[in-house]
Amino acid sequence: MVNIKIALIFFFTFFSRFACSDVVTDIEINESGIAYIGHSKVEQEGCKLFRPTPEQLAEYFNQAQRLEFGGWREHTYYSPCIVTGKVSFKSGQSGKFTIQSSGYGYGTFNNKAINFFHKENPWFDPFQCSYAMGDEPDPGCDDPQP
């Protein structure tokens, strides 16, 4: 009986994130293809290539993890390339966002700061393959062997 209760608690805790996910109803892009202020000309030029479409951003928000704190993702997946805008969800929640080309993002929704993360995105990331900090490279970023 105890095992069943533990299994049910695990099930609802783990899968409730998917059941409560929100759906994007509207996205407005304010700026894209830009870098945070103070970055080098090389980074600024590279960031001009980061231009996600509204459809790609909707897919991002529909799949991204919502986090109270950015934690290690904020540092490990830092990118100077950003897109800014506004997003509205089916639940009525809406707010302003900043998304980095790496898949890390943040915003203010109903006066609450929320961090987002989704790693595998359909847009072009000028700094792809520069984020892994462990012994293993990110998938698809293996260096060819001579």
C-alpha atoms as a PDB file:
ATOM      1  CA  MET A   1       0.000   0.000   0.000  1.00  0.00           C
ATOM      2  CA  VAL A   2       2.848   2.379   0.840  1.00  0.00           C
ATOM      3  CA  ASN A   3       4.502   1.599  -2.509  1.00  0.00           C
ATOM      4  CA  ILE A   4       1.307   2.507  -4.368  1.00  0.00           C
ATOM      5  CA  LYS A   5       1.094   5.840  -2.528  1.00  0.00           C
ATOM      6  CA  ILE A   6       4.735   6.607  -3.315  1.00  0.00           C
ATOM      7  CA  ALA A   7       4.199   5.666  -6.957  1.00  0.00           C
ATOM      8  CA  LEU A   8       1.120   7.903  -7.199  1.00  0.00           C
ATOM      9  CA  ILE A   9       2.922  10.832  -5.579  1.00  0.00           C
ATOM     10  CA  PHE A  10       5.838  10.390  -7.997  1.00  0.00           C
ATOM     11  CA  PHE A  11       3.498  10.091 -10.981  1.00  0.00           C
ATOM     12  CA  PHE A  12       1.511  13.239 -10.204  1.00  0.00           C
ATOM     13  CA  THR A  13       4.586  15.248  -9.222  1.00  0.00           C
ATOM     14  CA  PHE A  14       6.551  14.261 -12.322  1.00  0.00           C
ATOM     15  CA  PHE A  15       3.771  14.411 -14.891  1.00  0.00           C
ATOM     16  CA  SER A  16       1.810  17.381 -13.535  1.00  0.00           C
ATOM     17  CA  ARG A  17       4.311  19.639 -15.286  1.00  0.00           C
ATOM     18  CA  PHE A  18       3.074  18.310 -18.615  1.00  0.00           C
ATOM     19  CA  ALA A  19      -0.604  18.433 -17.701  1.00  0.00           C
ATOM     20  CA  CYS A  20      -0.377  22.075 -16.621  1.00  0.00           C
ATOM     21  CA  SER A  21       1.666  23.327 -19.547  1.00  0.00           C
ATOM     22  CA  ASP A  22       0.280  26.456 -21.137  1.00  0.00           C
ATOM     23  CA  VAL A  23      -0.282  27.110 -24.841  1.00  0.00           C
ATOM     24  CA  VAL A  24       0.845  30.247 -26.655  1.00  0.00           C
ATOM     25  CA  THR A  25      -1.960  32.311 -28.196  1.00  0.00           C
ATOM     26  CA  ASP A  26       0.003  35.365 -29.374  1.00  0.00           C
ATOM     27  CA  ILE A  27       3.632  36.437 -29.816  1.00  0.00           C
ATOM     28  CA  GLU A  28       4.971  39.860 -30.703  1.00  0.00           C
ATOM     29  CA  ILE A  29       8.687  40.224 -31.495  1.00  0.00           C
ATOM     30  CA  ASN A  30      10.152  43.603 -30.545  1.00  0.00           C
ATOM     31  CA  GLU A  31      13.809  43.027 -31.491  1.00  0.00           C
ATOM     32  CA  SER A  32      15.792  40.102 -32.878  1.00  0.00           C
ATOM     33  CA  GLY A  33      19.254  39.624 -34.331  1.00  0.00           C
ATOM     34  CA  ILE A  34      20.773  41.733 -31.566  1.00  0.00           C
ATOM     35  CA  ALA A  35      23.364  41.235 -28.821  1.00  0.00           C
ATOM     36  CA  TYR A  36      23.374  42.397 -25.236  1.00  0.00           C
ATOM     37  CA  ILE A  37      24.966  45.853 -24.906  1.00  0.00           C
ATOM     38  CA  GLY A  38      28.752  45.876 -24.569  1.00  0.00           C
ATOM     39  CA  HIS A  39      29.619  42.834 -26.676  1.00  0.00           C
ATOM     40  CA  SER A  40      32.315  42.776 -29.353  1.00  0.00           C
ATOM     41  CA  LYS A  41      31.652  43.590 -33.001  1.00  0.00           C
ATOM     42  CA  VAL A  42      32.255  39.912 -33.882  1.00  0.00           C
ATOM     43  CA  GLU A  43      29.525  38.815 -31.477  1.00  0.00           C
ATOM     44  CA  GLN A  44      27.213  41.574 -32.698  1.00  0.00           C
ATOM     45  CA  GLU A  45      27.723  40.438 -36.309  1.00  0.00           C
ATOM     46  CA  GLY A  46      27.119  36.798 -35.369  1.00  0.00           C
ATOM     47  CA  CYS A  47      23.968  37.697 -33.475  1.00  0.00           C
ATOM     48  CA  LYS A  48      22.470  39.330 -36.576  1.00  0.00           C
ATOM     49  CA  LEU A  49      21.888  35.747 -37.782  1.00  0.00           C
ATOM     50  CA  PHE A  50      19.674  34.905 -34.785  1.00  0.00           C
ATOM     51  CA  ARG A  51      16.178  35.707 -36.075  1.00  0.00           C
ATOM     52  CA  PRO A  52      13.616  33.215 -34.774  1.00  0.00           C
ATOM     53  CA  THR A  53      10.133  33.377 -36.275  1.00  0.00           C
ATOM     54  CA  PRO A  54       6.969  33.792 -34.181  1.00  0.00           C
ATOM     55  CA  GLU A  55       6.153  30.133 -34.935  1.00  0.00           C
ATOM     56  CA  GLN A  56       9.560  29.004 -33.650  1.00  0.00           C
ATOM     57  CA  LEU A  57       9.143  31.068 -30.488  1.00  0.00           C
ATOM     58  CA  ALA A  58       5.655  29.644 -29.907  1.00  0.00           C
ATOM     59  CA  GLU A  59       7.129  26.134 -30.197  1.00  0.00           C
ATOM     60  CA  TYR A  60       9.868  27.146 -27.749  1.00  0.00           C
ATOM     61  CA  PHE A  61       7.413  28.419 -25.123  1.00  0.00           C
ATOM     62  CA  ASN A  62       5.145  25.384 -25.579  1.00  0.00           C
ATOM     63  CA  GLN A  63       8.086  23.022 -24.902  1.00  0.00           C
ATOM     64  CA  ALA A  64      10.343  24.955 -22.513  1.00  0.00           C
ATOM     65  CA  GLN A  65      10.793  24.128 -18.859  1.00  0.00           C
ATOM     66  CA  ARG A  66       9.623  26.883 -16.524  1.00  0.00           C
ATOM     67  CA  LEU A  67      12.068  27.511 -13.717  1.00  0.00           C
ATOM     68  CA  GLU A  68      11.964  29.803 -10.685  1.00  0.00           C
ATOM     69  CA  PHE A  69      15.719  30.362 -10.978  1.00  0.00           C
ATOM     70  CA  GLY A  70      18.016  30.111 -13.989  1.00  0.00           C
ATOM     71  CA  GLY A  71      20.706  28.415 -11.896  1.00  0.00           C
ATOM     72  CA  TRP A  72      23.436  26.610 -13.803  1.00  0.00           C
ATOM     73  CA  ARG A  73      21.556  26.938 -17.114  1.00  0.00           C
ATOM     74  CA  GLU A  74      21.821  30.717 -16.950  1.00  0.00           C
ATOM     75  CA  HIS A  75      25.630  30.462 -16.921  1.00  0.00           C
ATOM     76  CA  THR A  76      26.303  27.271 -18.880  1.00  0.00           C
ATOM     77  CA  TYR A  77      23.979  28.218 -21.727  1.00  0.00           C
ATOM     78  CA  TYR A  78      24.715  31.948 -21.830  1.00  0.00           C
ATOM     79  CA  SER A  79      24.588  33.501 -25.299  1.00  0.00           C
ATOM     80  CA  PRO A  80      24.960  37.185 -26.202  1.00  0.00           C
ATOM     81  CA  CYS A  81      22.324  36.790 -28.953  1.00  0.00           C
ATOM     82  CA  ILE A  82      18.789  37.716 -27.932  1.00  0.00           C
ATOM     83  CA  VAL A  83      15.254  38.226 -29.133  1.00  0.00           C
ATOM     84  CA  THR A  84      12.806  40.302 -27.091  1.00  0.00           C
ATOM     85  CA  GLY A  85       9.050  40.577 -27.199  1.00  0.00           C
ATOM     86  CA  LYS A  86       5.704  39.870 -25.615  1.00  0.00           C
ATOM     87  CA  VAL A  87       3.844  36.570 -25.335  1.00  0.00           C
ATOM     88  CA  SER A  88       0.304  35.633 -24.277  1.00  0.00           C
ATOM     89  CA  PHE A  89      -0.899  32.213 -23.161  1.00  0.00           C
ATOM     90  CA  LYS A  90      -4.271  30.485 -23.273  1.00  0.00           C
ATOM     91  CA  SER A  91      -4.479  30.693 -19.462  1.00  0.00           C
ATOM     92  CA  GLY A  92      -4.549  34.496 -19.699  1.00  0.00           C
ATOM     93  CA  GLN A  93      -0.987  34.889 -18.482  1.00  0.00           C
ATOM     94  CA  SER A  94       1.121  37.308 -20.532  1.00  0.00           C
ATOM     95  CA  GLY A  95       4.367  39.207 -20.271  1.00  0.00           C
ATOM     96  CA  LYS A  96       7.603  40.446 -21.755  1.00  0.00           C
ATOM     97  CA  PHE A  97      10.434  38.039 -22.560  1.00  0.00           C
ATOM     98  CA  THR A  98      14.090  37.858 -23.546  1.00  0.00           C
ATOM     99  CA  ILE A  99      15.273  34.612 -25.156  1.00  0.00           C
ATOM    100  CA  GLN A 100      18.925  33.824 -25.855  1.00  0.00           C
ATOM    101  CA  SER A 101      19.912  31.808 -28.928  1.00  0.00           C
ATOM    102  CA  SER A 102      21.080  29.008 -26.581  1.00  0.00           C
ATOM    103  CA  GLY A 103      17.524  28.285 -25.415  1.00  0.00           C
ATOM    104  CA  TYR A 104      17.775  30.025 -22.052  1.00  0.00           C
ATOM    105  CA  GLY A 105      15.218  32.766 -21.528  1.00  0.00           C
ATOM    106  CA  TYR A 106      13.496  34.842 -18.919  1.00  0.00           C
ATOM    107  CA  GLY A 107      10.589  37.184 -18.544  1.00  0.00           C
ATOM    108  CA  THR A 108       8.134  38.909 -16.272  1.00  0.00           C
ATOM    109  CA  PHE A 109       4.635  37.455 -16.249  1.00  0.00           C
ATOM    110  CA  ASN A 110       1.931  38.967 -14.051  1.00  0.00           C
ATOM    111  CA  ASN A 111       4.649  40.656 -11.939  1.00  0.00           C
ATOM    112  CA  LYS A 112       6.544  37.385 -11.431  1.00  0.00           C
ATOM    113  CA  ALA A 113       9.974  36.588 -12.886  1.00  0.00           C
ATOM    114  CA  ILE A 114      10.090  33.253 -14.710  1.00  0.00           C
ATOM    115  CA  ASN A 115      13.069  31.554 -16.355  1.00  0.00           C
ATOM    116  CA  PHE A 116      12.688  29.247 -19.341  1.00  0.00           C
ATOM    117  CA  PHE A 117      14.951  26.624 -20.855  1.00  0.00           C
ATOM    118  CA  HIS A 118      14.674  24.428 -23.920  1.00  0.00           C
ATOM    119  CA  LYS A 119      17.841  23.151 -25.521  1.00  0.00           C
ATOM    120  CA  GLU A 120      16.921  21.798 -28.955  1.00  0.00           C
ATOM    121  CA  ASN A 121      15.331  24.629 -30.923  1.00  0.00           C
ATOM    122  CA  PRO A 122      14.609  25.021 -34.645  1.00  0.00           C
ATOM    123  CA  TRP A 123      16.274  28.426 -35.044  1.00  0.00           C
ATOM    124  CA  PHE A 124      19.861  29.094 -36.123  1.00  0.00           C
ATOM    125  CA  ASP A 125      22.170  29.599 -33.137  1.00  0.00           C
ATOM    126  CA  PRO A 126      25.410  31.397 -34.094  1.00  0.00           C
ATOM    127  CA  PHE A 127      27.115  30.063 -30.958  1.00  0.00           C
ATOM    128  CA  GLN A 128      25.891  26.456 -31.140  1.00  0.00           C
ATOM    129  CA  CYS A 129      28.436  23.927 -29.848  1.00  0.00           C
ATOM    130  CA  SER A 130      30.054  26.463 -27.509  1.00  0.00           C
ATOM    131  CA  TYR A 131      27.988  25.681 -24.410  1.00  0.00           C
ATOM    132  CA  ALA A 132      29.118  22.224 -23.186  1.00  0.00           C
ATOM    133  CA  MET A 133      31.300  22.400 -20.101  1.00  0.00           C
ATOM    134  CA  GLY A 134      31.669  18.714 -19.290  1.00  0.00           C
ATOM    135  CA  ASP A 135      33.772  15.937 -20.765  1.00  0.00           C
ATOM    136  CA  GLU A 136      31.196  15.228 -23.451  1.00  0.00           C
ATOM    137  CA  PRO A 137      30.251  17.726 -26.176  1.00  0.00           C
ATOM    138  CA  ASP A 138      26.631  18.573 -26.865  1.00  0.00           C
ATOM    139  CA  PRO A 139      24.968  16.132 -29.303  1.00  0.00           C
ATOM    140  CA  GLY A 140      25.867  16.955 -32.906  1.00  0.00           C
ATOM    141  CA  CYS A 141      28.937  18.935 -31.838  1.00  0.00           C
ATOM    142  CA  ASP A 142      31.552  16.190 -31.947  1.00  0.00           C
ATOM    143  CA  ASP A 143      34.930  17.245 -33.292  1.00  0.00           C
ATOM    144  CA  PRO A 144      35.921  15.123 -36.294  1.00  0.00           C
ATOM    145  CA  GLN A 145      38.801  12.784 -35.554  1.00  0.00           C
ATOM    146  CA  PRO A 146      41.870  13.091 -37.847  1.00  0.00           C
END
